[in-house]
Amino acid sequence: MATITVKQTRGLIHRPEAQRKIVLSLGLGRIGKTHEINDTPAVRGMVAKVAHLVEIVEK
């Protein structure tokens, strides 16, 4: 299965609780942390919800 690498680029201070939970469920939590996860529609949807906080890293 294909994977994507997601990197957190901005902090979670002053963000709604829903966005914090999404970032934590992606395996992130602090600025600069990266996590490789399976590329599924659910994951793509979560990344889209917090696109202003994370980025997809190209290999």
N, C-alpha and C. Protein backbone atom coordinates (compact mmCIF):
# COMPACT_ATOMS: atom_id res chain seq x y z
N MET A 1 0.84 -1.19 0.00
CA MET A 1 0.00 0.00 0.00
C MET A 1 0.88 1.25 0.00
N ALA A 2 0.43 2.27 -0.67
CA ALA A 2 1.19 3.51 -0.76
C ALA A 2 1.17 4.23 0.59
N THR A 3 2.24 4.97 0.84
CA THR A 3 2.33 5.74 2.08
C THR A 3 2.65 7.19 1.75
N ILE A 4 2.31 8.06 2.70
CA ILE A 4 2.67 9.47 2.60
C ILE A 4 3.37 9.86 3.89
N THR A 5 4.23 10.85 3.78
CA THR A 5 4.92 11.39 4.95
C THR A 5 4.34 12.77 5.24
N VAL A 6 3.83 12.92 6.46
CA VAL A 6 3.21 14.17 6.87
C VAL A 6 4.11 14.83 7.90
N LYS A 7 4.32 16.14 7.74
CA LYS A 7 5.18 16.91 8.64
C LYS A 7 4.37 18.05 9.24
N GLN A 8 4.47 18.22 10.56
CA GLN A 8 3.78 19.34 11.21
C GLN A 8 4.63 20.59 11.07
N THR A 9 4.00 21.67 10.58
CA THR A 9 4.73 22.91 10.32
C THR A 9 4.33 24.03 11.25
N ARG A 10 3.20 23.93 11.92
CA ARG A 10 2.74 24.98 12.83
C ARG A 10 2.27 24.35 14.13
N GLY A 11 2.25 25.16 15.18
CA GLY A 11 1.87 24.69 16.50
C GLY A 11 0.37 24.58 16.70
N LEU A 12 -0.01 23.99 17.83
CA LEU A 12 -1.42 23.74 18.13
C LEU A 12 -2.02 24.72 19.12
N ILE A 13 -1.25 25.70 19.57
CA ILE A 13 -1.77 26.67 20.53
C ILE A 13 -2.83 27.52 19.85
N HIS A 14 -3.92 27.78 20.55
CA HIS A 14 -5.05 28.56 20.07
C HIS A 14 -5.77 27.91 18.89
N ARG A 15 -5.74 26.59 18.82
CA ARG A 15 -6.44 25.85 17.77
C ARG A 15 -7.63 25.13 18.40
N PRO A 16 -8.71 24.94 17.65
CA PRO A 16 -9.86 24.21 18.19
C PRO A 16 -9.49 22.77 18.58
N GLU A 17 -10.21 22.24 19.52
CA GLU A 17 -9.94 20.90 20.03
C GLU A 17 -10.02 19.85 18.91
N ALA A 18 -10.93 20.02 17.98
CA ALA A 18 -11.07 19.06 16.88
C ALA A 18 -9.79 19.00 16.04
N GLN A 19 -9.18 20.15 15.78
CA GLN A 19 -7.94 20.17 15.00
C GLN A 19 -6.80 19.56 15.78
N ARG A 20 -6.76 19.78 17.09
CA ARG A 20 -5.72 19.16 17.92
C ARG A 20 -5.82 17.64 17.86
N LYS A 21 -7.05 17.13 17.96
CA LYS A 21 -7.24 15.68 17.93
C LYS A 21 -6.85 15.09 16.59
N ILE A 22 -7.13 15.80 15.50
CA ILE A 22 -6.76 15.31 14.17
C ILE A 22 -5.24 15.24 14.04
N VAL A 23 -4.55 16.28 14.48
CA VAL A 23 -3.08 16.30 14.38
C VAL A 23 -2.49 15.17 15.23
N LEU A 24 -3.01 14.96 16.42
CA LEU A 24 -2.51 13.88 17.27
C LEU A 24 -2.80 12.51 16.66
N SER A 25 -3.96 12.36 16.02
CA SER A 25 -4.29 11.07 15.41
C SER A 25 -3.44 10.79 14.18
N LEU A 26 -2.87 11.83 13.57
CA LEU A 26 -1.94 11.63 12.46
C LEU A 26 -0.55 11.23 12.96
N GLY A 27 -0.36 11.20 14.27
CA GLY A 27 0.92 10.79 14.84
C GLY A 27 1.88 11.95 15.02
N LEU A 28 1.37 13.17 15.00
CA LEU A 28 2.20 14.35 15.16
C LEU A 28 1.94 14.95 16.54
N GLY A 29 2.47 16.12 16.83
CA GLY A 29 2.23 16.73 18.12
C GLY A 29 3.14 17.90 18.42
N ARG A 30 4.22 18.01 17.67
CA ARG A 30 5.08 19.16 17.86
C ARG A 30 5.65 19.57 16.50
N ILE A 31 6.07 20.80 16.40
CA ILE A 31 6.54 21.36 15.14
C ILE A 31 7.79 20.61 14.68
N GLY A 32 7.81 20.25 13.41
CA GLY A 32 8.95 19.58 12.83
C GLY A 32 8.87 18.07 12.84
N LYS A 33 7.92 17.49 13.56
CA LYS A 33 7.80 16.04 13.65
C LYS A 33 7.19 15.50 12.35
N THR A 34 7.69 14.37 11.89
CA THR A 34 7.16 13.73 10.69
C THR A 34 6.66 12.34 11.04
N HIS A 35 5.72 11.86 10.22
CA HIS A 35 5.17 10.53 10.44
C HIS A 35 4.76 9.96 9.09
N GLU A 36 5.12 8.72 8.85
CA GLU A 36 4.76 8.05 7.60
C GLU A 36 3.54 7.17 7.86
N ILE A 37 2.47 7.41 7.10
CA ILE A 37 1.21 6.68 7.29
C ILE A 37 0.68 6.23 5.94
N ASN A 38 -0.23 5.24 5.99
CA ASN A 38 -0.84 4.72 4.76
C ASN A 38 -1.68 5.80 4.10
N ASP A 39 -1.63 5.82 2.79
CA ASP A 39 -2.36 6.82 2.01
C ASP A 39 -3.77 6.28 1.72
N THR A 40 -4.72 6.68 2.57
CA THR A 40 -6.12 6.28 2.41
C THR A 40 -6.98 7.54 2.29
N PRO A 41 -8.20 7.40 1.79
CA PRO A 41 -9.08 8.56 1.72
C PRO A 41 -9.34 9.20 3.08
N ALA A 42 -9.40 8.41 4.12
CA ALA A 42 -9.63 8.94 5.46
C ALA A 42 -8.46 9.81 5.92
N VAL A 43 -7.25 9.35 5.66
CA VAL A 43 -6.06 10.11 6.03
C VAL A 43 -5.98 11.39 5.21
N ARG A 44 -6.28 11.29 3.92
CA ARG A 44 -6.26 12.49 3.07
C ARG A 44 -7.28 13.52 3.55
N GLY A 45 -8.44 13.04 4.02
CA GLY A 45 -9.45 13.95 4.56
C GLY A 45 -8.97 14.63 5.83
N MET A 46 -8.29 13.90 6.70
CA MET A 46 -7.76 14.50 7.92
C MET A 46 -6.69 15.53 7.60
N VAL A 47 -5.84 15.23 6.64
CA VAL A 47 -4.80 16.18 6.24
C VAL A 47 -5.45 17.44 5.66
N ALA A 48 -6.52 17.28 4.90
CA ALA A 48 -7.20 18.44 4.32
C ALA A 48 -7.80 19.33 5.39
N LYS A 49 -8.29 18.74 6.49
CA LYS A 49 -8.89 19.52 7.58
C LYS A 49 -7.85 20.38 8.30
N VAL A 50 -6.61 19.93 8.34
CA VAL A 50 -5.56 20.68 9.04
C VAL A 50 -4.43 21.05 8.09
N ALA A 51 -4.77 21.35 6.85
CA ALA A 51 -3.75 21.65 5.83
C ALA A 51 -2.92 22.87 6.19
N HIS A 52 -3.47 23.78 7.01
CA HIS A 52 -2.73 24.97 7.42
C HIS A 52 -1.72 24.67 8.52
N LEU A 53 -1.75 23.47 9.08
CA LEU A 53 -0.84 23.08 10.16
C LEU A 53 0.20 22.05 9.74
N VAL A 54 -0.08 21.31 8.66
CA VAL A 54 0.80 20.23 8.24
C VAL A 54 1.10 20.36 6.75
N GLU A 55 2.09 19.59 6.31
CA GLU A 55 2.38 19.51 4.88
C GLU A 55 2.75 18.07 4.55
N ILE A 56 2.54 17.70 3.31
CA ILE A 56 2.93 16.37 2.84
C ILE A 56 4.33 16.51 2.25
N VAL A 57 5.26 15.72 2.75
CA VAL A 57 6.66 15.80 2.35
C VAL A 57 6.86 14.86 1.16
N GLU A 58 7.42 15.39 0.08
CA GLU A 58 7.73 14.58 -1.10
C GLU A 58 9.06 13.87 -0.87
N LYS A 59 9.15 12.66 -1.33
CA LYS A 59 10.38 11.88 -1.14
C LYS A 59 11.36 12.14 -2.25
